[in-house]
Amino acid sequence: MSRRAEVGADGLPEFTVRQALTRLAEDIGLRRTTAENARWTASRWPKEHREAGVSFTVHRVLGSIPDEEERFAAARRRRSSPRRR
């Protein structure tokens, strides 16, 4: 990918979200889709609703629940349920 970007009025480069995620992924050795998935998951979970005892993978799966209150409640239930091994 080209590292060139349009220059904004403030003289700083302007990147599209896709360009920025591609650049980030390349810089840290991931695929762009991995960065996109992480961004999407984080967007579904405001900081105050992230559950420390629940894995990122579970947050990603529960992120597909459209209703926020239902999604947040599901994460709280998951945190309080016994771990499966």
PDB file of N, CA and C in Angstrom:
ATOM      1  N   MET A   1       0.836  -1.170   0.000  1.00  0.00           N
ATOM      2  CA  MET A   1       0.000   0.000   0.000  1.00  0.00           C
ATOM      3  C   MET A   1       0.884   1.237   0.000  1.00  0.00           C
ATOM      4  N   SER A   2       0.465   2.223  -0.731  1.00  0.00           N
ATOM      5  CA  SER A   2       1.195   3.475  -0.748  1.00  0.00           C
ATOM      6  C   SER A   2       1.016   4.193   0.581  1.00  0.00           C
ATOM      7  N   ARG A   3       2.074   4.799   1.066  1.00  0.00           N
ATOM      8  CA  ARG A   3       2.032   5.533   2.333  1.00  0.00           C
ATOM      9  C   ARG A   3       1.605   6.987   2.118  1.00  0.00           C
ATOM     10  N   ARG A   4       1.236   7.362   0.892  1.00  0.00           N
ATOM     11  CA  ARG A   4       0.843   8.738   0.608  1.00  0.00           C
ATOM     12  C   ARG A   4      -0.597   8.961   1.034  1.00  0.00           C
ATOM     13  N   ALA A   5      -0.870  10.140   1.506  1.00  0.00           N
ATOM     14  CA  ALA A   5      -2.222  10.516   1.900  1.00  0.00           C
ATOM     15  C   ALA A   5      -2.454  11.961   1.487  1.00  0.00           C
ATOM     16  N   GLU A   6      -3.704  12.319   1.366  1.00  0.00           N
ATOM     17  CA  GLU A   6      -4.042  13.713   1.095  1.00  0.00           C
ATOM     18  C   GLU A   6      -3.579  14.556   2.276  1.00  0.00           C
ATOM     19  N   VAL A   7      -3.268  15.796   2.004  1.00  0.00           N
ATOM     20  CA  VAL A   7      -2.845  16.706   3.072  1.00  0.00           C
ATOM     21  C   VAL A   7      -4.015  17.613   3.402  1.00  0.00           C
ATOM     22  N   GLY A   8      -4.338  17.700   4.689  1.00  0.00           N
ATOM     23  CA  GLY A   8      -5.446  18.527   5.132  1.00  0.00           C
ATOM     24  C   GLY A   8      -5.058  19.989   5.231  1.00  0.00           C
ATOM     25  N   ALA A   9      -6.043  20.833   5.575  1.00  0.00           N
ATOM     26  CA  ALA A   9      -5.828  22.269   5.702  1.00  0.00           C
ATOM     27  C   ALA A   9      -4.761  22.586   6.753  1.00  0.00           C
ATOM     28  N   ASP A  10      -4.627  21.701   7.740  1.00  0.00           N
ATOM     29  CA  ASP A  10      -3.635  21.932   8.802  1.00  0.00           C
ATOM     30  C   ASP A  10      -2.242  21.435   8.416  1.00  0.00           C
ATOM     31  N   GLY A  11      -2.105  20.930   7.184  1.00  0.00           N
ATOM     32  CA  GLY A  11      -0.808  20.459   6.719  1.00  0.00           C
ATOM     33  C   GLY A  11      -0.486  19.030   7.107  1.00  0.00           C
ATOM     34  N   LEU A  12      -1.377  18.388   7.868  1.00  0.00           N
ATOM     35  CA  LEU A  12      -1.164  17.003   8.293  1.00  0.00           C
ATOM     36  C   LEU A  12      -1.827  16.051   7.305  1.00  0.00           C
ATOM     37  N   PRO A  13      -1.282  14.843   7.163  1.00  0.00           N
ATOM     38  CA  PRO A  13      -1.885  13.889   6.232  1.00  0.00           C
ATOM     39  C   PRO A  13      -3.251  13.424   6.729  1.00  0.00           C
ATOM     40  N   GLU A  14      -4.139  13.208   5.790  1.00  0.00           N
ATOM     41  CA  GLU A  14      -5.459  12.673   6.112  1.00  0.00           C
ATOM     42  C   GLU A  14      -5.584  11.288   5.490  1.00  0.00           C
ATOM     43  N   PHE A  15      -5.903  10.310   6.317  1.00  0.00           N
ATOM     44  CA  PHE A  15      -6.041   8.937   5.863  1.00  0.00           C
ATOM     45  C   PHE A  15      -7.502   8.522   5.995  1.00  0.00           C
ATOM     46  N   THR A  16      -7.950   7.645   5.106  1.00  0.00           N
ATOM     47  CA  THR A  16      -9.256   7.025   5.304  1.00  0.00           C
ATOM     48  C   THR A  16      -9.112   6.022   6.445  1.00  0.00           C
ATOM     49  N   VAL A  17     -10.220   5.572   6.988  1.00  0.00           N
ATOM     50  CA  VAL A  17     -10.163   4.569   8.051  1.00  0.00           C
ATOM     51  C   VAL A  17      -9.467   3.317   7.533  1.00  0.00           C
ATOM     52  N   ARG A  18      -9.817   2.906   6.338  1.00  0.00           N
ATOM     53  CA  ARG A  18      -9.195   1.707   5.767  1.00  0.00           C
ATOM     54  C   ARG A  18      -7.684   1.879   5.624  1.00  0.00           C
ATOM     55  N   GLN A  19      -7.248   3.041   5.147  1.00  0.00           N
ATOM     56  CA  GLN A  19      -5.807   3.290   5.007  1.00  0.00           C
ATOM     57  C   GLN A  19      -5.119   3.264   6.377  1.00  0.00           C
ATOM     58  N   ALA A  20      -5.759   3.876   7.362  1.00  0.00           N
ATOM     59  CA  ALA A  20      -5.165   3.910   8.695  1.00  0.00           C
ATOM     60  C   ALA A  20      -5.067   2.509   9.296  1.00  0.00           C
ATOM     61  N   LEU A  21      -6.129   1.707   9.129  1.00  0.00           N
ATOM     62  CA  LEU A  21      -6.101   0.344   9.663  1.00  0.00           C
ATOM     63  C   LEU A  21      -5.083  -0.519   8.923  1.00  0.00           C
ATOM     64  N   THR A  22      -4.968  -0.331   7.629  1.00  0.00           N
ATOM     65  CA  THR A  22      -3.971  -1.073   6.852  1.00  0.00           C
ATOM     66  C   THR A  22      -2.569  -0.717   7.342  1.00  0.00           C
ATOM     67  N   ARG A  23      -2.330   0.557   7.538  1.00  0.00           N
ATOM     68  CA  ARG A  23      -1.011   0.997   8.000  1.00  0.00           C
ATOM     69  C   ARG A  23      -0.711   0.446   9.394  1.00  0.00           C
ATOM     70  N   LEU A  24      -1.687   0.541  10.292  1.00  0.00           N
ATOM     71  CA  LEU A  24      -1.511  -0.007  11.642  1.00  0.00           C
ATOM     72  C   LEU A  24      -1.200  -1.499  11.575  1.00  0.00           C
ATOM     73  N   ALA A  25      -2.012  -2.240  10.816  1.00  0.00           N
ATOM     74  CA  ALA A  25      -1.829  -3.688  10.717  1.00  0.00           C
ATOM     75  C   ALA A  25      -0.443  -4.029  10.180  1.00  0.00           C
ATOM     76  N   GLU A  26      -0.007  -3.325   9.147  1.00  0.00           N
ATOM     77  CA  GLU A  26       1.328  -3.574   8.598  1.00  0.00           C
ATOM     78  C   GLU A  26       2.414  -3.270   9.630  1.00  0.00           C
ATOM     79  N   ASP A  27       2.233  -2.197  10.368  1.00  0.00           N
ATOM     80  CA  ASP A  27       3.240  -1.792  11.361  1.00  0.00           C
ATOM     81  C   ASP A  27       3.384  -2.807  12.494  1.00  0.00           C
ATOM     82  N   ILE A  28       2.283  -3.471  12.873  1.00  0.00           N
ATOM     83  CA  ILE A  28       2.351  -4.405  14.003  1.00  0.00           C
ATOM     84  C   ILE A  28       2.291  -5.871  13.578  1.00  0.00           C
ATOM     85  N   GLY A  29       2.309  -6.112  12.267  1.00  0.00           N
ATOM     86  CA  GLY A  29       2.409  -7.480  11.769  1.00  0.00           C
ATOM     87  C   GLY A  29       1.113  -8.270  11.769  1.00  0.00           C
ATOM     88  N   LEU A  30      -0.016  -7.585  11.580  1.00  0.00           N
ATOM     89  CA  LEU A  30      -1.312  -8.264  11.501  1.00  0.00           C
ATOM     90  C   LEU A  30      -1.919  -8.068  10.125  1.00  0.00           C
ATOM     91  N   ARG A  31      -2.960  -8.843   9.844  1.00  0.00           N
ATOM     92  CA  ARG A  31      -3.742  -8.597   8.631  1.00  0.00           C
ATOM     93  C   ARG A  31      -4.682  -7.422   8.904  1.00  0.00           C
ATOM     94  N   ARG A  32      -5.020  -6.684   7.861  1.00  0.00           N
ATOM     95  CA  ARG A  32      -5.938  -5.560   8.020  1.00  0.00           C
ATOM     96  C   ARG A  32      -7.271  -6.018   8.587  1.00  0.00           C
ATOM     97  N   THR A  33      -7.757  -7.177   8.172  1.00  0.00           N
ATOM     98  CA  THR A  33      -9.056  -7.655   8.663  1.00  0.00           C
ATOM     99  C   THR A  33      -9.041  -7.905  10.169  1.00  0.00           C
ATOM    100  N   THR A  34      -7.887  -8.302  10.703  1.00  0.00           N
ATOM    101  CA  THR A  34      -7.770  -8.499  12.150  1.00  0.00           C
ATOM    102  C   THR A  34      -7.947  -7.161  12.861  1.00  0.00           C
ATOM    103  N   ALA A  35      -7.301  -6.122  12.350  1.00  0.00           N
ATOM    104  CA  ALA A  35      -7.451  -4.784  12.935  1.00  0.00           C
ATOM    105  C   ALA A  35      -8.891  -4.294  12.790  1.00  0.00           C
ATOM    106  N   GLU A  36      -9.515  -4.561  11.646  1.00  0.00           N
ATOM    107  CA  GLU A  36     -10.913  -4.154  11.442  1.00  0.00           C
ATOM    108  C   GLU A  36     -11.839  -4.860  12.427  1.00  0.00           C
ATOM    109  N   ASN A  37     -11.620  -6.157  12.646  1.00  0.00           N
ATOM    110  CA  ASN A  37     -12.450  -6.909  13.592  1.00  0.00           C
ATOM    111  C   ASN A  37     -12.277  -6.389  15.017  1.00  0.00           C
ATOM    112  N   ALA A  38     -11.051  -6.083  15.399  1.00  0.00           N
ATOM    113  CA  ALA A  38     -10.804  -5.543  16.735  1.00  0.00           C
ATOM    114  C   ALA A  38     -11.478  -4.180  16.888  1.00  0.00           C
ATOM    115  N   ARG A  39     -11.410  -3.362  15.862  1.00  0.00           N
ATOM    116  CA  ARG A  39     -12.048  -2.035  15.896  1.00  0.00           C
ATOM    117  C   ARG A  39     -13.563  -2.187  16.043  1.00  0.00           C
ATOM    118  N   TRP A  40     -14.154  -3.087  15.265  1.00  0.00           N
ATOM    119  CA  TRP A  40     -15.601  -3.293  15.338  1.00  0.00           C
ATOM    120  C   TRP A  40     -15.997  -3.759  16.741  1.00  0.00           C
ATOM    121  N   THR A  41     -15.275  -4.746  17.281  1.00  0.00           N
ATOM    122  CA  THR A  41     -15.596  -5.267  18.612  1.00  0.00           C
ATOM    123  C   THR A  41     -15.517  -4.156  19.650  1.00  0.00           C
ATOM    124  N   ALA A  42     -14.446  -3.387  19.617  1.00  0.00           N
ATOM    125  CA  ALA A  42     -14.294  -2.292  20.580  1.00  0.00           C
ATOM    126  C   ALA A  42     -15.411  -1.267  20.437  1.00  0.00           C
ATOM    127  N   SER A  43     -15.879  -1.049  19.212  1.00  0.00           N
ATOM    128  CA  SER A  43     -16.953  -0.064  18.997  1.00  0.00           C
ATOM    129  C   SER A  43     -18.272  -0.502  19.615  1.00  0.00           C
ATOM    130  N   ARG A  44     -18.437  -1.789  19.818  1.00  0.00           N
ATOM    131  CA  ARG A  44     -19.686  -2.324  20.384  1.00  0.00           C
ATOM    132  C   ARG A  44     -19.678  -2.319  21.905  1.00  0.00           C
ATOM    133  N   TRP A  45     -18.514  -2.047  22.493  1.00  0.00           N
ATOM    134  CA  TRP A  45     -18.359  -2.123  23.950  1.00  0.00           C
ATOM    135  C   TRP A  45     -17.732  -0.862  24.514  1.00  0.00           C
ATOM    136  N   PRO A  46     -18.549   0.130  24.887  1.00  0.00           N
ATOM    137  CA  PRO A  46     -17.981   1.300  25.561  1.00  0.00           C
ATOM    138  C   PRO A  46     -17.199   0.835  26.798  1.00  0.00           C
ATOM    139  N   LYS A  47     -16.177   1.572  27.138  1.00  0.00           N
ATOM    140  CA  LYS A  47     -15.266   1.162  28.208  1.00  0.00           C
ATOM    141  C   LYS A  47     -16.010   0.756  29.480  1.00  0.00           C
ATOM    142  N   GLU A  48     -17.022   1.499  29.842  1.00  0.00           N
ATOM    143  CA  GLU A  48     -17.736   1.211  31.095  1.00  0.00           C
ATOM    144  C   GLU A  48     -18.553  -0.084  31.048  1.00  0.00           C
ATOM    145  N   HIS A  49     -18.704  -0.682  29.876  1.00  0.00           N
ATOM    146  CA  HIS A  49     -19.474  -1.931  29.751  1.00  0.00           C
ATOM    147  C   HIS A  49     -18.608  -3.144  29.432  1.00  0.00           C
ATOM    148  N   ARG A  50     -17.307  -2.962  29.347  1.00  0.00           N
ATOM    149  CA  ARG A  50     -16.403  -4.094  29.097  1.00  0.00           C
ATOM    150  C   ARG A  50     -16.230  -4.861  30.403  1.00  0.00           C
ATOM    151  N   GLU A  51     -16.303  -6.171  30.299  1.00  0.00           N
ATOM    152  CA  GLU A  51     -16.220  -7.027  31.480  1.00  0.00           C
ATOM    153  C   GLU A  51     -14.832  -7.652  31.573  1.00  0.00           C
ATOM    154  N   ALA A  52     -14.131  -7.365  32.660  1.00  0.00           N
ATOM    155  CA  ALA A  52     -12.760  -7.827  32.838  1.00  0.00           C
ATOM    156  C   ALA A  52     -12.648  -9.354  32.818  1.00  0.00           C
ATOM    157  N   GLY A  53     -13.633 -10.066  33.325  1.00  0.00           N
ATOM    158  CA  GLY A  53     -13.561 -11.514  33.385  1.00  0.00           C
ATOM    159  C   GLY A  53     -14.065 -12.220  32.137  1.00  0.00           C
ATOM    160  N   VAL A  54     -14.338 -11.455  31.087  1.00  0.00           N
ATOM    161  CA  VAL A  54     -14.884 -12.022  29.849  1.00  0.00           C
ATOM    162  C   VAL A  54     -13.865 -11.794  28.736  1.00  0.00           C
ATOM    163  N   SER A  55     -13.566 -12.839  27.988  1.00  0.00           N
ATOM    164  CA  SER A  55     -12.530 -12.748  26.951  1.00  0.00           C
ATOM    165  C   SER A  55     -12.952 -11.828  25.805  1.00  0.00           C
ATOM    166  N   PHE A  56     -11.951 -11.393  25.056  1.00  0.00           N
ATOM    167  CA  PHE A  56     -12.203 -10.576  23.872  1.00  0.00           C
ATOM    168  C   PHE A  56     -13.068 -11.345  22.877  1.00  0.00           C
ATOM    169  N   THR A  57     -12.818 -12.636  22.748  1.00  0.00           N
ATOM    170  CA  THR A  57     -13.592 -13.456  21.817  1.00  0.00           C
ATOM    171  C   THR A  57     -15.073 -13.461  22.187  1.00  0.00           C
ATOM    172  N   VAL A  58     -15.371 -13.588  23.472  1.00  0.00           N
ATOM    173  CA  VAL A  58     -16.768 -13.561  23.916  1.00  0.00           C
ATOM    174  C   VAL A  58     -17.360 -12.179  23.658  1.00  0.00           C
ATOM    175  N   HIS A  59     -16.606 -11.123  23.930  1.00  0.00           N
ATOM    176  CA  HIS A  59     -17.092  -9.776  23.617  1.00  0.00           C
ATOM    177  C   HIS A  59     -17.395  -9.660  22.116  1.00  0.00           C
ATOM    178  N   ARG A  60     -16.539 -10.238  21.284  1.00  0.00           N
ATOM    179  CA  ARG A  60     -16.754 -10.178  19.829  1.00  0.00           C
ATOM    180  C   ARG A  60     -18.043 -10.888  19.447  1.00  0.00           C
ATOM    181  N   VAL A  61     -18.261 -12.084  19.997  1.00  0.00           N
ATOM    182  CA  VAL A  61     -19.464 -12.855  19.676  1.00  0.00           C
ATOM    183  C   VAL A  61     -20.711 -12.121  20.172  1.00  0.00           C
ATOM    184  N   LEU A  62     -20.670 -11.650  21.416  1.00  0.00           N
ATOM    185  CA  LEU A  62     -21.828 -10.944  21.974  1.00  0.00           C
ATOM    186  C   LEU A  62     -22.052  -9.594  21.300  1.00  0.00           C
ATOM    187  N   GLY A  63     -21.028  -9.055  20.660  1.00  0.00           N
ATOM    188  CA  GLY A  63     -21.153  -7.776  19.966  1.00  0.00           C
ATOM    189  C   GLY A  63     -22.190  -7.782  18.866  1.00  0.00           C
ATOM    190  N   SER A  64     -22.559  -8.954  18.382  1.00  0.00           N
ATOM    191  CA  SER A  64     -23.554  -9.032  17.314  1.00  0.00           C
ATOM    192  C   SER A  64     -24.986  -8.874  17.830  1.00  0.00           C
ATOM    193  N   ILE A  65     -25.183  -8.843  19.145  1.00  0.00           N
ATOM    194  CA  ILE A  65     -26.528  -8.617  19.707  1.00  0.00           C
ATOM    195  C   ILE A  65     -26.872  -7.146  19.460  1.00  0.00           C
ATOM    196  N   PRO A  66     -27.941  -6.876  18.697  1.00  0.00           N
ATOM    197  CA  PRO A  66     -28.247  -5.496  18.313  1.00  0.00           C
ATOM    198  C   PRO A  66     -28.627  -4.583  19.484  1.00  0.00           C
ATOM    199  N   ASP A  67     -29.380  -5.092  20.430  1.00  0.00           N
ATOM    200  CA  ASP A  67     -29.849  -4.272  21.539  1.00  0.00           C
ATOM    201  C   ASP A  67     -28.737  -4.114  22.582  1.00  0.00           C
ATOM    202  N   GLU A  68     -28.364  -2.865  22.864  1.00  0.00           N
ATOM    203  CA  GLU A  68     -27.252  -2.629  23.792  1.00  0.00           C
ATOM    204  C   GLU A  68     -27.496  -3.210  25.173  1.00  0.00           C
ATOM    205  N   GLU A  69     -28.657  -2.963  25.744  1.00  0.00           N
ATOM    206  CA  GLU A  69     -28.925  -3.445  27.101  1.00  0.00           C
ATOM    207  C   GLU A  69     -28.869  -4.972  27.165  1.00  0.00           C
ATOM    208  N   GLU A  70     -29.400  -5.623  26.153  1.00  0.00           N
ATOM    209  CA  GLU A  70     -29.342  -7.090  26.096  1.00  0.00           C
ATOM    210  C   GLU A  70     -27.893  -7.563  25.962  1.00  0.00           C
ATOM    211  N   ARG A  71     -27.128  -6.870  25.135  1.00  0.00           N
ATOM    212  CA  ARG A  71     -25.715  -7.223  24.921  1.00  0.00           C
ATOM    213  C   ARG A  71     -24.925  -7.065  26.218  1.00  0.00           C
ATOM    214  N   PHE A  72     -25.099  -5.939  26.907  1.00  0.00           N
ATOM    215  CA  PHE A  72     -24.361  -5.695  28.145  1.00  0.00           C
ATOM    216  C   PHE A  72     -24.770  -6.679  29.236  1.00  0.00           C
ATOM    217  N   ALA A  73     -26.071  -7.001  29.300  1.00  0.00           N
ATOM    218  CA  ALA A  73     -26.547  -7.970  30.292  1.00  0.00           C
ATOM    219  C   ALA A  73     -25.968  -9.355  30.019  1.00  0.00           C
ATOM    220  N   ALA A  74     -25.860  -9.727  28.747  1.00  0.00           N
ATOM    221  CA  ALA A  74     -25.294 -11.035  28.396  1.00  0.00           C
ATOM    222  C   ALA A  74     -23.837 -11.131  28.854  1.00  0.00           C
ATOM    223  N   ALA A  75     -23.092 -10.056  28.733  1.00  0.00           N
ATOM    224  CA  ALA A  75     -21.693 -10.061  29.183  1.00  0.00           C
ATOM    225  C   ALA A  75     -21.626 -10.168  30.701  1.00  0.00           C
ATOM    226  N   ARG A  76     -22.519  -9.479  31.395  1.00  0.00           N
ATOM    227  CA  ARG A  76     -22.522  -9.581  32.867  1.00  0.00           C
ATOM    228  C   ARG A  76     -22.860 -11.006  33.301  1.00  0.00           C
ATOM    229  N   ARG A  77     -23.831 -11.632  32.633  1.00  0.00           N
ATOM    230  CA  ARG A  77     -24.188 -13.028  32.959  1.00  0.00           C
ATOM    231  C   ARG A  77     -23.013 -13.950  32.692  1.00  0.00           C
ATOM    232  N   ARG A  78     -22.319 -13.719  31.592  1.00  0.00           N
ATOM    233  CA  ARG A  78     -21.175 -14.560  31.223  1.00  0.00           C
ATOM    234  C   ARG A  78     -20.060 -14.432  32.263  1.00  0.00           C
ATOM    235  N   ARG A  79     -19.852 -13.215  32.752  1.00  0.00           N
ATOM    236  CA  ARG A  79     -18.807 -12.992  33.756  1.00  0.00           C
ATOM    237  C   ARG A  79     -19.134 -13.727  35.048  1.00  0.00           C
ATOM    238  N   SER A  80     -20.407 -13.757  35.423  1.00  0.00           N
ATOM    239  CA  SER A  80     -20.780 -14.341  36.711  1.00  0.00           C
ATOM    240  C   SER A  80     -21.034 -15.856  36.642  1.00  0.00           C
ATOM    241  N   SER A  81     -21.083 -16.414  35.433  1.00  0.00           N
ATOM    242  CA  SER A  81     -21.311 -17.858  35.322  1.00  0.00           C
ATOM    243  C   SER A  81     -20.011 -18.616  35.536  1.00  0.00           C
ATOM    244  N   PRO A  82     -20.109 -19.852  36.029  1.00  0.00           N
ATOM    245  CA  PRO A  82     -18.889 -20.650  36.227  1.00  0.00           C
ATOM    246  C   PRO A  82     -18.182 -20.894  34.894  1.00  0.00           C
ATOM    247  N   ARG A  83     -16.870 -20.919  34.928  1.00  0.00           N
ATOM    248  CA  ARG A  83     -16.081 -21.170  33.722  1.00  0.00           C
ATOM    249  C   ARG A  83     -16.251 -22.591  33.248  1.00  0.00           C
ATOM    250  N   ARG A  84     -16.362 -22.722  31.936  1.00  0.00           N
ATOM    251  CA  ARG A  84     -16.389 -24.051  31.336  1.00  0.00           C
ATOM    252  C   ARG A  84     -14.978 -24.418  30.950  1.00  0.00           C
ATOM    253  N   ARG A  85     -14.634 -25.665  31.120  1.00  0.00           N
ATOM    254  CA  ARG A  85     -13.291 -26.123  30.747  1.00  0.00           C
ATOM    255  C   ARG A  85     -13.385 -27.176  29.693  1.00  0.00           C
TER     256      ARG A  85
END
